[in-house]
Amino acid sequence: MTGWAKAMVVNNRLAAATAAKKVKRAMYKPSFRIMVRNTYSVRRLLSLLLQ
């Protein structure tokens, strides 16, 4: 029973890791654009605050 539970935990970890990798790959390109946009807006806000 404990061995089976351990195997399940390991499998879940592997599945979670692969899912995270897939999600990261899927989100990389759009998130990069969003990141650029966010940095631009942050810079604009900072410039407004520092005026």
N, C-alpha and C. Protein backbone atom coordinates (compact mmCIF):
# COMPACT_ATOMS: atom_id res chain seq x y z
N MET A 1 0.83 -1.20 0.00
CA MET A 1 0.00 0.00 0.00
C MET A 1 0.87 1.25 0.00
N THR A 2 1.88 1.31 0.88
CA THR A 2 2.73 2.49 0.94
C THR A 2 3.50 2.66 -0.37
N GLY A 3 3.99 1.54 -0.92
CA GLY A 3 4.72 1.61 -2.19
C GLY A 3 3.83 2.14 -3.29
N TRP A 4 2.58 1.69 -3.31
CA TRP A 4 1.63 2.15 -4.33
C TRP A 4 1.38 3.65 -4.16
N ALA A 5 1.21 4.07 -2.90
CA ALA A 5 0.97 5.49 -2.63
C ALA A 5 2.19 6.31 -3.07
N LYS A 6 3.39 5.78 -2.79
CA LYS A 6 4.61 6.49 -3.16
C LYS A 6 4.69 6.64 -4.68
N ALA A 7 4.36 5.55 -5.39
CA ALA A 7 4.38 5.58 -6.85
C ALA A 7 3.38 6.61 -7.37
N MET A 8 2.20 6.67 -6.74
CA MET A 8 1.19 7.63 -7.15
C MET A 8 1.71 9.06 -6.97
N VAL A 9 2.36 9.31 -5.83
CA VAL A 9 2.89 10.65 -5.55
C VAL A 9 3.93 11.02 -6.60
N VAL A 10 4.84 10.07 -6.91
CA VAL A 10 5.89 10.33 -7.91
C VAL A 10 5.26 10.62 -9.26
N ASN A 11 4.26 9.81 -9.64
CA ASN A 11 3.59 10.02 -10.92
C ASN A 11 2.91 11.38 -10.95
N ASN A 12 2.27 11.75 -9.84
CA ASN A 12 1.60 13.05 -9.79
C ASN A 12 2.61 14.18 -9.94
N ARG A 13 3.77 14.02 -9.29
CA ARG A 13 4.80 15.05 -9.39
C ARG A 13 5.28 15.19 -10.82
N LEU A 14 5.53 14.04 -11.47
CA LEU A 14 5.99 14.08 -12.86
C LEU A 14 4.94 14.73 -13.74
N ALA A 15 3.69 14.36 -13.54
CA ALA A 15 2.60 14.91 -14.34
C ALA A 15 2.50 16.42 -14.12
N ALA A 16 2.63 16.83 -12.87
CA ALA A 16 2.55 18.26 -12.55
C ALA A 16 3.71 19.01 -13.21
N ALA A 17 4.90 18.42 -13.16
CA ALA A 17 6.08 19.08 -13.75
C ALA A 17 5.91 19.22 -15.26
N THR A 18 5.47 18.14 -15.92
CA THR A 18 5.29 18.21 -17.37
C THR A 18 4.19 19.19 -17.73
N ALA A 19 3.13 19.22 -16.94
CA ALA A 19 2.04 20.16 -17.20
C ALA A 19 2.54 21.59 -17.05
N ALA A 20 3.34 21.84 -16.02
CA ALA A 20 3.88 23.18 -15.81
C ALA A 20 4.76 23.58 -16.98
N LYS A 21 5.59 22.64 -17.46
CA LYS A 21 6.45 22.93 -18.61
C LYS A 21 5.61 23.28 -19.82
N LYS A 22 4.57 22.47 -20.07
CA LYS A 22 3.70 22.72 -21.22
C LYS A 22 3.04 24.08 -21.10
N VAL A 23 2.55 24.39 -19.89
CA VAL A 23 1.88 25.67 -19.68
C VAL A 23 2.86 26.82 -19.91
N LYS A 24 4.09 26.66 -19.39
CA LYS A 24 5.09 27.71 -19.58
C LYS A 24 5.38 27.91 -21.05
N ARG A 25 5.53 26.80 -21.80
CA ARG A 25 5.80 26.91 -23.23
C ARG A 25 4.65 27.59 -23.94
N ALA A 26 3.43 27.20 -23.56
CA ALA A 26 2.25 27.76 -24.22
C ALA A 26 2.11 29.24 -23.91
N MET A 27 2.48 29.63 -22.68
CA MET A 27 2.28 31.00 -22.24
C MET A 27 3.46 31.90 -22.56
N TYR A 28 4.58 31.32 -23.03
CA TYR A 28 5.81 32.11 -23.16
C TYR A 28 5.63 33.29 -24.11
N LYS A 29 5.17 33.01 -25.33
CA LYS A 29 5.11 34.08 -26.32
C LYS A 29 4.12 35.18 -25.94
N PRO A 30 2.86 34.84 -25.62
CA PRO A 30 1.93 35.90 -25.22
C PRO A 30 2.36 36.60 -23.93
N SER A 31 2.90 35.84 -22.98
CA SER A 31 3.32 36.45 -21.72
C SER A 31 4.49 37.40 -21.96
N PHE A 32 5.33 37.09 -22.95
CA PHE A 32 6.44 38.00 -23.28
C PHE A 32 5.89 39.34 -23.75
N ARG A 33 4.88 39.29 -24.61
CA ARG A 33 4.26 40.53 -25.09
C ARG A 33 3.63 41.29 -23.93
N ILE A 34 2.93 40.55 -23.07
CA ILE A 34 2.27 41.18 -21.92
C ILE A 34 3.33 41.81 -21.01
N MET A 35 4.46 41.10 -20.84
CA MET A 35 5.52 41.60 -19.99
C MET A 35 6.06 42.91 -20.55
N VAL A 36 6.28 42.96 -21.87
CA VAL A 36 6.78 44.19 -22.50
C VAL A 36 5.78 45.31 -22.28
N ARG A 37 4.50 44.98 -22.48
CA ARG A 37 3.46 45.99 -22.31
C ARG A 37 3.44 46.48 -20.86
N ASN A 38 3.58 45.53 -19.92
CA ASN A 38 3.55 45.90 -18.50
C ASN A 38 4.74 46.79 -18.15
N THR A 39 5.92 46.45 -18.66
CA THR A 39 7.09 47.27 -18.35
C THR A 39 6.90 48.67 -18.93
N TYR A 40 6.30 48.74 -20.11
CA TYR A 40 6.05 50.05 -20.73
C TYR A 40 5.10 50.87 -19.86
N SER A 41 4.01 50.23 -19.42
CA SER A 41 3.04 50.96 -18.59
C SER A 41 3.66 51.36 -17.26
N VAL A 42 4.50 50.49 -16.70
CA VAL A 42 5.17 50.82 -15.43
C VAL A 42 6.09 52.01 -15.62
N ARG A 43 6.83 52.01 -16.72
CA ARG A 43 7.72 53.15 -16.99
C ARG A 43 6.92 54.43 -17.13
N ARG A 44 5.79 54.34 -17.82
CA ARG A 44 4.95 55.52 -18.01
C ARG A 44 4.44 56.02 -16.67
N LEU A 45 4.00 55.08 -15.82
CA LEU A 45 3.52 55.47 -14.49
C LEU A 45 4.63 56.12 -13.68
N LEU A 46 5.83 55.53 -13.75
CA LEU A 46 6.96 56.10 -13.01
C LEU A 46 7.28 57.50 -13.51
N SER A 47 7.27 57.66 -14.82
CA SER A 47 7.59 58.99 -15.37
C SER A 47 6.53 60.00 -14.94
N LEU A 48 5.27 59.57 -14.89
CA LEU A 48 4.21 60.47 -14.44
C LEU A 48 4.41 60.85 -12.98
N LEU A 49 4.80 59.85 -12.17
CA LEU A 49 5.00 60.11 -10.74
C LEU A 49 6.21 61.00 -10.50
N LEU A 50 7.25 60.83 -11.32
CA LEU A 50 8.50 61.56 -11.08
C LEU A 50 8.49 62.96 -11.66
N GLN A 51 7.46 63.31 -12.40
CA GLN A 51 7.42 64.65 -13.01
C GLN A 51 7.35 65.74 -11.95
